[in-house]
Amino acid sequence: MTPGGHIGASIVAAYVVEHCVFGNEVTPLTIGVSALMGLLPDLDSLLATARGHRPTKGRLRHHRSVTHTPLFYLLMTLLVSLIVPAQKAVLFGMLAFLHLALDSWSTDDGIMWLWPLSRRQFSLFPRNLHAGGVYGIAFYRRHMRCAQMIVPELLFVLGGCTLTYYTLVVV
């Protein structure tokens, strides 16, 4: 999933949980934090770029890092629960697991759901989108031609934009 899809999905999920489950008013802060949470597991890709990785020079295997494992976010959620109210810690954990689920849905390599017991990655639609040395922009062009990837991507982006507009402008 692209960053826009992760952000949109996180905003939609946070809105539903905050408003419908917890009965809280959704604030601009909630929208902003949920957008950042949508990208949190991908911070490892920023670190790789800072260390010199270039998308056109090879595949970034960031779905094989600890930041893409359920155990990591289970432990992080427990730590977060020590410093924020329980509802916010639940939301943190839920958004992290949503990111992992989306990476299993809409990436060719998936994530390591069983780490540290296994380094095997699981993907719902395992396709080699990097075949033939396709990286960077060319990879995203190929990615966006797959219906099972583009449809949820567009729905999440549209939903996130709609709820952000509603929260910031209408309410």
N, C-alpha and C. Protein backbone atom coordinates (compact mmCIF):
# COMPACT_ATOMS: atom_id res chain seq x y z
N MET A 1 0.85 -1.18 0.00
CA MET A 1 0.00 0.00 0.00
C MET A 1 0.90 1.23 0.00
N THR A 2 0.43 2.26 -0.66
CA THR A 2 1.21 3.50 -0.71
C THR A 2 1.01 4.29 0.58
N PRO A 3 1.85 5.28 0.84
CA PRO A 3 1.65 6.11 2.03
C PRO A 3 0.26 6.74 2.08
N GLY A 4 -0.26 7.20 0.95
CA GLY A 4 -1.60 7.79 0.94
C GLY A 4 -2.67 6.80 1.36
N GLY A 5 -2.54 5.56 0.94
CA GLY A 5 -3.49 4.53 1.34
C GLY A 5 -3.42 4.23 2.82
N HIS A 6 -2.19 4.14 3.35
CA HIS A 6 -2.03 3.90 4.79
C HIS A 6 -2.61 5.05 5.61
N ILE A 7 -2.35 6.27 5.18
CA ILE A 7 -2.88 7.44 5.90
C ILE A 7 -4.41 7.44 5.86
N GLY A 8 -4.98 7.25 4.67
CA GLY A 8 -6.44 7.25 4.54
C GLY A 8 -7.09 6.17 5.37
N ALA A 9 -6.54 4.95 5.33
CA ALA A 9 -7.09 3.85 6.11
C ALA A 9 -7.02 4.13 7.60
N SER A 10 -5.92 4.72 8.05
CA SER A 10 -5.77 5.04 9.47
C SER A 10 -6.76 6.10 9.92
N ILE A 11 -7.00 7.10 9.08
CA ILE A 11 -7.97 8.14 9.42
C ILE A 11 -9.37 7.54 9.50
N VAL A 12 -9.74 6.71 8.53
CA VAL A 12 -11.06 6.07 8.54
C VAL A 12 -11.21 5.20 9.78
N ALA A 13 -10.22 4.36 10.06
CA ALA A 13 -10.29 3.47 11.21
C ALA A 13 -10.34 4.24 12.52
N ALA A 14 -9.51 5.27 12.66
CA ALA A 14 -9.51 6.07 13.89
C ALA A 14 -10.85 6.76 14.08
N TYR A 15 -11.41 7.28 13.01
CA TYR A 15 -12.71 7.95 13.09
C TYR A 15 -13.78 6.98 13.57
N VAL A 16 -13.82 5.80 12.98
CA VAL A 16 -14.83 4.80 13.35
C VAL A 16 -14.66 4.39 14.81
N VAL A 17 -13.44 4.11 15.23
CA VAL A 17 -13.21 3.66 16.61
C VAL A 17 -13.50 4.79 17.60
N GLU A 18 -12.96 5.97 17.35
CA GLU A 18 -13.18 7.09 18.28
C GLU A 18 -14.66 7.45 18.39
N HIS A 19 -15.32 7.60 17.25
CA HIS A 19 -16.70 8.09 17.24
C HIS A 19 -17.71 6.99 17.54
N CYS A 20 -17.61 5.87 16.85
CA CYS A 20 -18.64 4.83 16.95
C CYS A 20 -18.42 3.86 18.11
N VAL A 21 -17.18 3.54 18.42
CA VAL A 21 -16.90 2.57 19.48
C VAL A 21 -16.74 3.27 20.83
N PHE A 22 -15.87 4.28 20.89
CA PHE A 22 -15.60 4.95 22.16
C PHE A 22 -16.58 6.08 22.45
N GLY A 23 -17.29 6.56 21.43
CA GLY A 23 -18.25 7.65 21.62
C GLY A 23 -17.60 9.00 21.84
N ASN A 24 -16.36 9.16 21.39
CA ASN A 24 -15.64 10.42 21.56
C ASN A 24 -15.81 11.31 20.34
N GLU A 25 -15.66 12.61 20.55
CA GLU A 25 -15.64 13.54 19.43
C GLU A 25 -14.30 13.38 18.71
N VAL A 26 -14.35 13.34 17.40
CA VAL A 26 -13.13 13.24 16.61
C VAL A 26 -12.61 14.65 16.38
N THR A 27 -11.39 14.89 16.82
CA THR A 27 -10.79 16.22 16.74
C THR A 27 -9.74 16.27 15.63
N PRO A 28 -9.33 17.47 15.25
CA PRO A 28 -8.21 17.57 14.29
C PRO A 28 -6.95 16.86 14.80
N LEU A 29 -6.72 16.88 16.10
CA LEU A 29 -5.57 16.18 16.66
C LEU A 29 -5.67 14.68 16.40
N THR A 30 -6.87 14.12 16.58
CA THR A 30 -7.09 12.70 16.30
C THR A 30 -6.76 12.38 14.85
N ILE A 31 -7.23 13.24 13.95
CA ILE A 31 -6.98 13.04 12.52
C ILE A 31 -5.47 13.09 12.24
N GLY A 32 -4.79 14.09 12.79
CA GLY A 32 -3.36 14.24 12.55
C GLY A 32 -2.54 13.09 13.11
N VAL A 33 -2.84 12.69 14.34
CA VAL A 33 -2.09 11.60 14.97
C VAL A 33 -2.37 10.29 14.23
N SER A 34 -3.61 10.06 13.82
CA SER A 34 -3.91 8.82 13.11
C SER A 34 -3.22 8.80 11.74
N ALA A 35 -3.10 9.94 11.09
CA ALA A 35 -2.37 10.00 9.81
C ALA A 35 -0.90 9.64 10.03
N LEU A 36 -0.30 10.17 11.08
CA LEU A 36 1.10 9.82 11.39
C LEU A 36 1.23 8.35 11.76
N MET A 37 0.26 7.85 12.52
CA MET A 37 0.29 6.43 12.90
C MET A 37 0.21 5.52 11.68
N GLY A 38 -0.48 5.97 10.64
CA GLY A 38 -0.57 5.18 9.42
C GLY A 38 0.78 4.95 8.77
N LEU A 39 1.71 5.84 9.05
CA LEU A 39 3.04 5.73 8.44
C LEU A 39 4.11 5.21 9.40
N LEU A 40 3.80 5.11 10.67
CA LEU A 40 4.80 4.73 11.67
C LEU A 40 5.59 3.47 11.32
N PRO A 41 4.94 2.38 10.94
CA PRO A 41 5.74 1.18 10.63
C PRO A 41 6.70 1.37 9.46
N ASP A 42 6.47 2.36 8.62
CA ASP A 42 7.34 2.58 7.46
C ASP A 42 8.51 3.52 7.75
N LEU A 43 8.71 3.89 9.01
CA LEU A 43 9.85 4.74 9.34
C LEU A 43 11.17 4.08 8.98
N ASP A 44 11.17 2.75 8.98
CA ASP A 44 12.40 2.05 8.60
C ASP A 44 12.82 2.35 7.17
N SER A 45 11.86 2.65 6.29
CA SER A 45 12.22 2.99 4.91
C SER A 45 12.89 4.36 4.85
N LEU A 46 12.49 5.28 5.72
CA LEU A 46 13.17 6.57 5.79
C LEU A 46 14.61 6.40 6.28
N LEU A 47 14.79 5.53 7.25
CA LEU A 47 16.14 5.26 7.75
C LEU A 47 17.01 4.65 6.65
N ALA A 48 16.43 3.76 5.85
CA ALA A 48 17.19 3.16 4.75
C ALA A 48 17.60 4.22 3.74
N THR A 49 16.70 5.15 3.46
CA THR A 49 17.02 6.24 2.53
C THR A 49 18.14 7.11 3.10
N ALA A 50 18.07 7.38 4.40
CA ALA A 50 19.12 8.18 5.04
C ALA A 50 20.47 7.47 4.99
N ARG A 51 20.44 6.14 4.96
CA ARG A 51 21.68 5.37 4.89
C ARG A 51 22.15 5.15 3.45
N GLY A 52 21.43 5.74 2.49
CA GLY A 52 21.90 5.70 1.12
C GLY A 52 21.12 4.83 0.15
N HIS A 53 20.06 4.17 0.60
CA HIS A 53 19.26 3.36 -0.33
C HIS A 53 18.55 4.27 -1.33
N ARG A 54 18.57 3.89 -2.59
CA ARG A 54 17.87 4.62 -3.64
C ARG A 54 16.89 3.69 -4.33
N PRO A 55 15.61 4.10 -4.47
CA PRO A 55 14.59 3.22 -5.05
C PRO A 55 14.94 2.67 -6.43
N THR A 56 15.68 3.40 -7.21
CA THR A 56 16.02 2.94 -8.56
C THR A 56 17.17 1.94 -8.57
N LYS A 57 17.83 1.75 -7.43
CA LYS A 57 19.02 0.89 -7.40
C LYS A 57 18.75 -0.50 -6.84
N GLY A 58 17.58 -0.76 -6.35
CA GLY A 58 17.29 -2.08 -5.81
C GLY A 58 16.09 -2.05 -4.89
N ARG A 59 15.69 -3.23 -4.53
CA ARG A 59 14.49 -3.40 -3.73
C ARG A 59 14.77 -3.11 -2.26
N LEU A 60 13.90 -2.32 -1.66
CA LEU A 60 13.97 -2.05 -0.23
C LEU A 60 13.13 -3.10 0.49
N ARG A 61 13.76 -3.92 1.27
CA ARG A 61 13.05 -5.01 1.95
C ARG A 61 12.63 -4.60 3.36
N HIS A 62 11.97 -3.45 3.45
CA HIS A 62 11.61 -2.96 4.78
C HIS A 62 10.50 -3.77 5.44
N HIS A 63 9.79 -4.60 4.69
CA HIS A 63 8.78 -5.45 5.32
C HIS A 63 9.42 -6.61 6.08
N ARG A 64 10.73 -6.71 6.02
CA ARG A 64 11.45 -7.74 6.77
C ARG A 64 12.08 -7.18 8.05
N SER A 65 11.77 -5.95 8.39
CA SER A 65 12.35 -5.38 9.61
C SER A 65 11.39 -5.58 10.78
N VAL A 66 11.90 -5.37 11.97
CA VAL A 66 11.12 -5.57 13.18
C VAL A 66 9.91 -4.63 13.24
N THR A 67 9.98 -3.50 12.54
CA THR A 67 8.85 -2.56 12.57
C THR A 67 7.67 -3.04 11.73
N HIS A 68 7.81 -4.20 11.12
CA HIS A 68 6.70 -4.81 10.40
C HIS A 68 6.36 -6.17 10.99
N THR A 69 6.39 -6.26 12.32
CA THR A 69 6.03 -7.51 13.00
C THR A 69 4.99 -7.24 14.08
N PRO A 70 4.03 -8.15 14.24
CA PRO A 70 3.00 -7.97 15.28
C PRO A 70 3.57 -7.92 16.69
N LEU A 71 4.58 -8.74 16.98
CA LEU A 71 5.15 -8.75 18.33
C LEU A 71 5.70 -7.38 18.70
N PHE A 72 6.36 -6.72 17.78
CA PHE A 72 6.90 -5.38 18.04
C PHE A 72 5.78 -4.43 18.46
N TYR A 73 4.66 -4.44 17.73
CA TYR A 73 3.57 -3.50 18.05
C TYR A 73 2.76 -3.93 19.26
N LEU A 74 2.75 -5.21 19.57
CA LEU A 74 2.13 -5.64 20.82
C LEU A 74 2.92 -5.07 21.99
N LEU A 75 4.24 -5.18 21.93
CA LEU A 75 5.09 -4.63 22.99
C LEU A 75 5.02 -3.11 23.04
N MET A 76 5.01 -2.46 21.86
CA MET A 76 4.90 -1.00 21.81
C MET A 76 3.57 -0.53 22.40
N THR A 77 2.50 -1.26 22.11
CA THR A 77 1.18 -0.89 22.64
C THR A 77 1.17 -1.01 24.16
N LEU A 78 1.81 -2.04 24.69
CA LEU A 78 1.91 -2.17 26.14
C LEU A 78 2.69 -1.01 26.74
N LEU A 79 3.77 -0.60 26.09
CA LEU A 79 4.54 0.56 26.57
C LEU A 79 3.72 1.84 26.48
N VAL A 80 3.03 2.03 25.37
CA VAL A 80 2.20 3.23 25.19
C VAL A 80 1.11 3.27 26.25
N SER A 81 0.58 2.11 26.62
CA SER A 81 -0.50 2.08 27.62
C SER A 81 -0.05 2.55 29.00
N LEU A 82 1.26 2.59 29.21
CA LEU A 82 1.78 3.08 30.49
C LEU A 82 1.78 4.61 30.56
N ILE A 83 1.68 5.28 29.40
CA ILE A 83 1.80 6.74 29.41
C ILE A 83 0.57 7.48 28.87
N VAL A 84 -0.36 6.76 28.23
CA VAL A 84 -1.57 7.41 27.72
C VAL A 84 -2.80 6.66 28.22
N PRO A 85 -3.98 7.29 28.15
CA PRO A 85 -5.20 6.58 28.55
C PRO A 85 -5.42 5.31 27.73
N ALA A 86 -6.12 4.35 28.32
CA ALA A 86 -6.32 3.04 27.70
C ALA A 86 -6.92 3.13 26.30
N GLN A 87 -7.91 4.02 26.11
CA GLN A 87 -8.52 4.14 24.78
C GLN A 87 -7.50 4.55 23.72
N LYS A 88 -6.61 5.45 24.07
CA LYS A 88 -5.59 5.90 23.11
C LYS A 88 -4.58 4.79 22.83
N ALA A 89 -4.25 3.99 23.84
CA ALA A 89 -3.33 2.87 23.63
C ALA A 89 -3.98 1.82 22.73
N VAL A 90 -5.26 1.56 22.93
CA VAL A 90 -5.99 0.61 22.07
C VAL A 90 -5.97 1.12 20.63
N LEU A 91 -6.23 2.40 20.46
CA LEU A 91 -6.23 2.99 19.12
C LEU A 91 -4.83 2.88 18.49
N PHE A 92 -3.79 3.14 19.26
CA PHE A 92 -2.41 3.00 18.78
C PHE A 92 -2.18 1.58 18.25
N GLY A 93 -2.49 0.60 19.07
CA GLY A 93 -2.28 -0.80 18.67
C GLY A 93 -3.11 -1.19 17.46
N MET A 94 -4.36 -0.74 17.43
CA MET A 94 -5.23 -1.07 16.32
C MET A 94 -4.70 -0.49 15.01
N LEU A 95 -4.24 0.76 15.04
CA LEU A 95 -3.73 1.39 13.83
C LEU A 95 -2.42 0.74 13.36
N ALA A 96 -1.59 0.31 14.30
CA ALA A 96 -0.36 -0.38 13.92
C ALA A 96 -0.69 -1.72 13.26
N PHE A 97 -1.63 -2.46 13.84
CA PHE A 97 -2.01 -3.74 13.26
C PHE A 97 -2.74 -3.56 11.93
N LEU A 98 -3.47 -2.48 11.78
CA LEU A 98 -4.10 -2.18 10.49
C LEU A 98 -3.03 -2.01 9.41
N HIS A 99 -1.97 -1.29 9.72
CA HIS A 99 -0.88 -1.10 8.76
C HIS A 99 -0.31 -2.46 8.34
N LEU A 100 -0.08 -3.33 9.32
CA LEU A 100 0.47 -4.65 9.01
C LEU A 100 -0.49 -5.46 8.14
N ALA A 101 -1.78 -5.40 8.47
CA ALA A 101 -2.78 -6.13 7.67
C ALA A 101 -2.82 -5.60 6.24
N LEU A 102 -2.75 -4.29 6.09
CA LEU A 102 -2.77 -3.70 4.75
C LEU A 102 -1.52 -4.07 3.96
N ASP A 103 -0.39 -4.19 4.64
CA ASP A 103 0.83 -4.61 3.95
C ASP A 103 0.76 -6.09 3.55
N SER A 104 -0.04 -6.87 4.23
CA SER A 104 -0.26 -8.26 3.81
C SER A 104 -1.27 -8.33 2.67
N TRP A 105 -2.16 -7.36 2.62
CA TRP A 105 -3.18 -7.31 1.58
C TRP A 105 -2.60 -6.79 0.26
N SER A 106 -1.86 -5.72 0.33
CA SER A 106 -1.54 -5.02 -0.92
C SER A 106 -0.04 -4.85 -1.18
N THR A 107 0.75 -5.79 -0.73
CA THR A 107 2.15 -5.81 -1.14
C THR A 107 2.45 -7.20 -1.67
N ASP A 108 3.46 -7.30 -2.48
CA ASP A 108 3.78 -8.60 -3.05
C ASP A 108 4.52 -9.51 -2.07
N ASP A 109 5.16 -8.93 -1.07
CA ASP A 109 5.95 -9.75 -0.16
C ASP A 109 5.30 -9.98 1.20
N GLY A 110 4.35 -9.17 1.61
CA GLY A 110 3.70 -9.34 2.90
C GLY A 110 4.61 -8.99 4.06
N ILE A 111 4.25 -9.48 5.24
CA ILE A 111 5.05 -9.21 6.44
C ILE A 111 5.28 -10.51 7.20
N MET A 112 6.15 -10.44 8.21
CA MET A 112 6.51 -11.62 9.01
C MET A 112 5.57 -11.74 10.21
N TRP A 113 4.39 -12.31 10.00
CA TRP A 113 3.39 -12.43 11.06
C TRP A 113 3.88 -13.30 12.21
N LEU A 114 4.75 -14.25 11.97
CA LEU A 114 5.17 -15.20 13.00
C LEU A 114 6.53 -14.88 13.62
N TRP A 115 7.12 -13.73 13.28
CA TRP A 115 8.41 -13.37 13.83
C TRP A 115 8.30 -13.22 15.35
N PRO A 116 9.23 -13.71 16.14
CA PRO A 116 10.57 -14.22 15.85
C PRO A 116 10.64 -15.73 15.61
N LEU A 117 9.49 -16.41 15.60
CA LEU A 117 9.51 -17.86 15.36
C LEU A 117 9.88 -18.20 13.92
N SER A 118 9.53 -17.32 13.01
CA SER A 118 9.81 -17.54 11.60
C SER A 118 10.00 -16.20 10.90
N ARG A 119 10.88 -16.19 9.90
CA ARG A 119 11.08 -14.98 9.10
C ARG A 119 10.28 -15.04 7.80
N ARG A 120 9.43 -16.05 7.67
CA ARG A 120 8.60 -16.18 6.47
C ARG A 120 7.60 -15.03 6.41
N GLN A 121 7.44 -14.48 5.21
CA GLN A 121 6.50 -13.39 5.01
C GLN A 121 5.21 -13.94 4.40
N PHE A 122 4.09 -13.35 4.83
CA PHE A 122 2.78 -13.78 4.35
C PHE A 122 2.10 -12.63 3.63
N SER A 123 1.59 -12.93 2.43
CA SER A 123 0.89 -11.95 1.63
C SER A 123 -0.38 -12.59 1.08
N LEU A 124 -1.47 -11.85 1.08
CA LEU A 124 -2.73 -12.37 0.57
C LEU A 124 -2.68 -12.57 -0.94
N PHE A 125 -2.01 -11.68 -1.64
CA PHE A 125 -1.87 -11.77 -3.09
C PHE A 125 -0.39 -11.79 -3.46
N PRO A 126 0.29 -12.92 -3.24
CA PRO A 126 1.73 -12.95 -3.52
C PRO A 126 2.02 -12.92 -5.02
N ARG A 127 2.41 -11.78 -5.50
CA ARG A 127 2.80 -11.60 -6.90
C ARG A 127 4.15 -10.90 -6.90
N ASN A 128 4.98 -11.27 -7.83
CA ASN A 128 6.29 -10.64 -7.88
C ASN A 128 6.21 -9.34 -8.69
N LEU A 129 5.82 -8.28 -8.02
CA LEU A 129 5.70 -6.98 -8.69
C LEU A 129 7.05 -6.37 -9.01
N HIS A 130 8.11 -6.94 -8.44
CA HIS A 130 9.46 -6.45 -8.71
C HIS A 130 10.14 -7.24 -9.83
N ALA A 131 9.42 -8.16 -10.46
CA ALA A 131 10.01 -9.00 -11.51
C ALA A 131 10.63 -8.13 -12.60
N GLY A 132 11.75 -8.56 -13.08
CA GLY A 132 12.44 -7.83 -14.14
C GLY A 132 13.18 -6.60 -13.64
N GLY A 133 13.41 -6.53 -12.33
CA GLY A 133 14.16 -5.40 -11.78
C GLY A 133 13.37 -4.11 -11.72
N VAL A 134 12.07 -4.21 -11.49
CA VAL A 134 11.22 -3.02 -11.43
C VAL A 134 11.22 -2.45 -10.01
N TYR A 135 11.65 -1.19 -9.88
CA TYR A 135 11.71 -0.52 -8.58
C TYR A 135 11.22 0.91 -8.74
N GLY A 136 11.07 1.62 -7.64
CA GLY A 136 10.72 3.04 -7.67
C GLY A 136 9.38 3.30 -8.35
N ILE A 137 9.33 4.32 -9.19
CA ILE A 137 8.10 4.73 -9.87
C ILE A 137 7.54 3.61 -10.74
N ALA A 138 8.41 2.88 -11.41
CA ALA A 138 7.96 1.78 -12.26
C ALA A 138 7.24 0.72 -11.43
N PHE A 139 7.72 0.48 -10.22
CA PHE A 139 7.04 -0.47 -9.33
C PHE A 139 5.63 0.01 -9.02
N TYR A 140 5.48 1.29 -8.68
CA TYR A 140 4.16 1.81 -8.33
C TYR A 140 3.21 1.79 -9.53
N ARG A 141 3.73 1.98 -10.72
CA ARG A 141 2.88 1.87 -11.91
C ARG A 141 2.33 0.45 -12.03
N ARG A 142 3.19 -0.53 -11.82
CA ARG A 142 2.76 -1.93 -11.88
C ARG A 142 1.79 -2.23 -10.73
N HIS A 143 2.10 -1.73 -9.56
CA HIS A 143 1.26 -1.92 -8.37
C HIS A 143 -0.16 -1.40 -8.62
N MET A 144 -0.27 -0.24 -9.23
CA MET A 144 -1.57 0.39 -9.44
C MET A 144 -2.39 -0.25 -10.56
N ARG A 145 -1.80 -1.17 -11.29
CA ARG A 145 -2.56 -1.89 -12.32
C ARG A 145 -3.25 -3.13 -11.76
N CYS A 146 -3.01 -3.45 -10.51
CA CYS A 146 -3.63 -4.62 -9.88
C CYS A 146 -4.90 -4.18 -9.17
N ALA A 147 -6.05 -4.69 -9.62
CA ALA A 147 -7.34 -4.26 -9.07
C ALA A 147 -7.43 -4.47 -7.57
N GLN A 148 -6.92 -5.60 -7.06
CA GLN A 148 -7.03 -5.87 -5.62
C GLN A 148 -6.19 -4.90 -4.80
N MET A 149 -5.32 -4.15 -5.46
CA MET A 149 -4.51 -3.17 -4.76
C MET A 149 -5.02 -1.75 -4.96
N ILE A 150 -5.44 -1.41 -6.17
CA ILE A 150 -5.84 -0.03 -6.45
C ILE A 150 -7.21 0.30 -5.87
N VAL A 151 -8.15 -0.65 -5.88
CA VAL A 151 -9.51 -0.35 -5.39
C VAL A 151 -9.50 0.02 -3.91
N PRO A 152 -8.93 -0.82 -3.01
CA PRO A 152 -8.91 -0.39 -1.61
C PRO A 152 -8.08 0.87 -1.39
N GLU A 153 -7.00 0.99 -2.15
CA GLU A 153 -6.15 2.18 -2.04
C GLU A 153 -6.97 3.45 -2.28
N LEU A 154 -7.71 3.46 -3.38
CA LEU A 154 -8.52 4.64 -3.72
C LEU A 154 -9.64 4.88 -2.71
N LEU A 155 -10.27 3.80 -2.25
CA LEU A 155 -11.35 3.95 -1.26
C LEU A 155 -10.82 4.52 0.05
N PHE A 156 -9.65 4.06 0.49
CA PHE A 156 -9.08 4.58 1.74
C PHE A 156 -8.67 6.04 1.60
N VAL A 157 -8.04 6.38 0.48
CA VAL A 157 -7.64 7.78 0.27
C VAL A 157 -8.87 8.67 0.24
N LEU A 158 -9.89 8.28 -0.50
CA LEU A 158 -11.12 9.06 -0.59
C LEU A 158 -11.80 9.17 0.77
N GLY A 159 -11.89 8.05 1.50
CA GLY A 159 -12.50 8.06 2.83
C GLY A 159 -11.74 8.94 3.80
N GLY A 160 -10.41 8.84 3.79
CA GLY A 160 -9.59 9.66 4.67
C GLY A 160 -9.73 11.14 4.37
N CYS A 161 -9.75 11.49 3.09
CA CYS A 161 -9.92 12.90 2.69
C CYS A 161 -11.29 13.42 3.10
N THR A 162 -12.32 12.60 2.89
CA THR A 162 -13.69 13.01 3.23
C THR A 162 -13.83 13.24 4.73
N LEU A 163 -13.33 12.32 5.54
CA LEU A 163 -13.45 12.46 7.00
C LEU A 163 -12.58 13.60 7.53
N THR A 164 -11.44 13.82 6.91
CA THR A 164 -10.60 14.96 7.30
C THR A 164 -11.33 16.26 7.01
N TYR A 165 -11.89 16.38 5.83
CA TYR A 165 -12.65 17.58 5.46
C TYR A 165 -13.82 17.77 6.42
N TYR A 166 -14.55 16.70 6.69
CA TYR A 166 -15.71 16.78 7.59
C TYR A 166 -15.28 17.25 8.98
N THR A 167 -14.19 16.70 9.49
CA THR A 167 -13.72 17.05 10.84
C THR A 167 -13.17 18.47 10.90
N LEU A 168 -12.43 18.88 9.90
CA LEU A 168 -11.77 20.19 9.94
C LEU A 168 -12.67 21.34 9.49
N VAL A 169 -13.59 21.09 8.57
CA VAL A 169 -14.36 22.17 7.97
C VAL A 169 -15.83 22.15 8.38
N VAL A 170 -16.47 21.01 8.29
CA VAL A 170 -17.91 20.93 8.50
C VAL A 170 -18.27 21.03 9.97
N VAL A 171 -17.56 20.30 10.82
CA VAL A 171 -17.93 20.24 12.25
C VAL A 171 -17.48 21.47 12.98
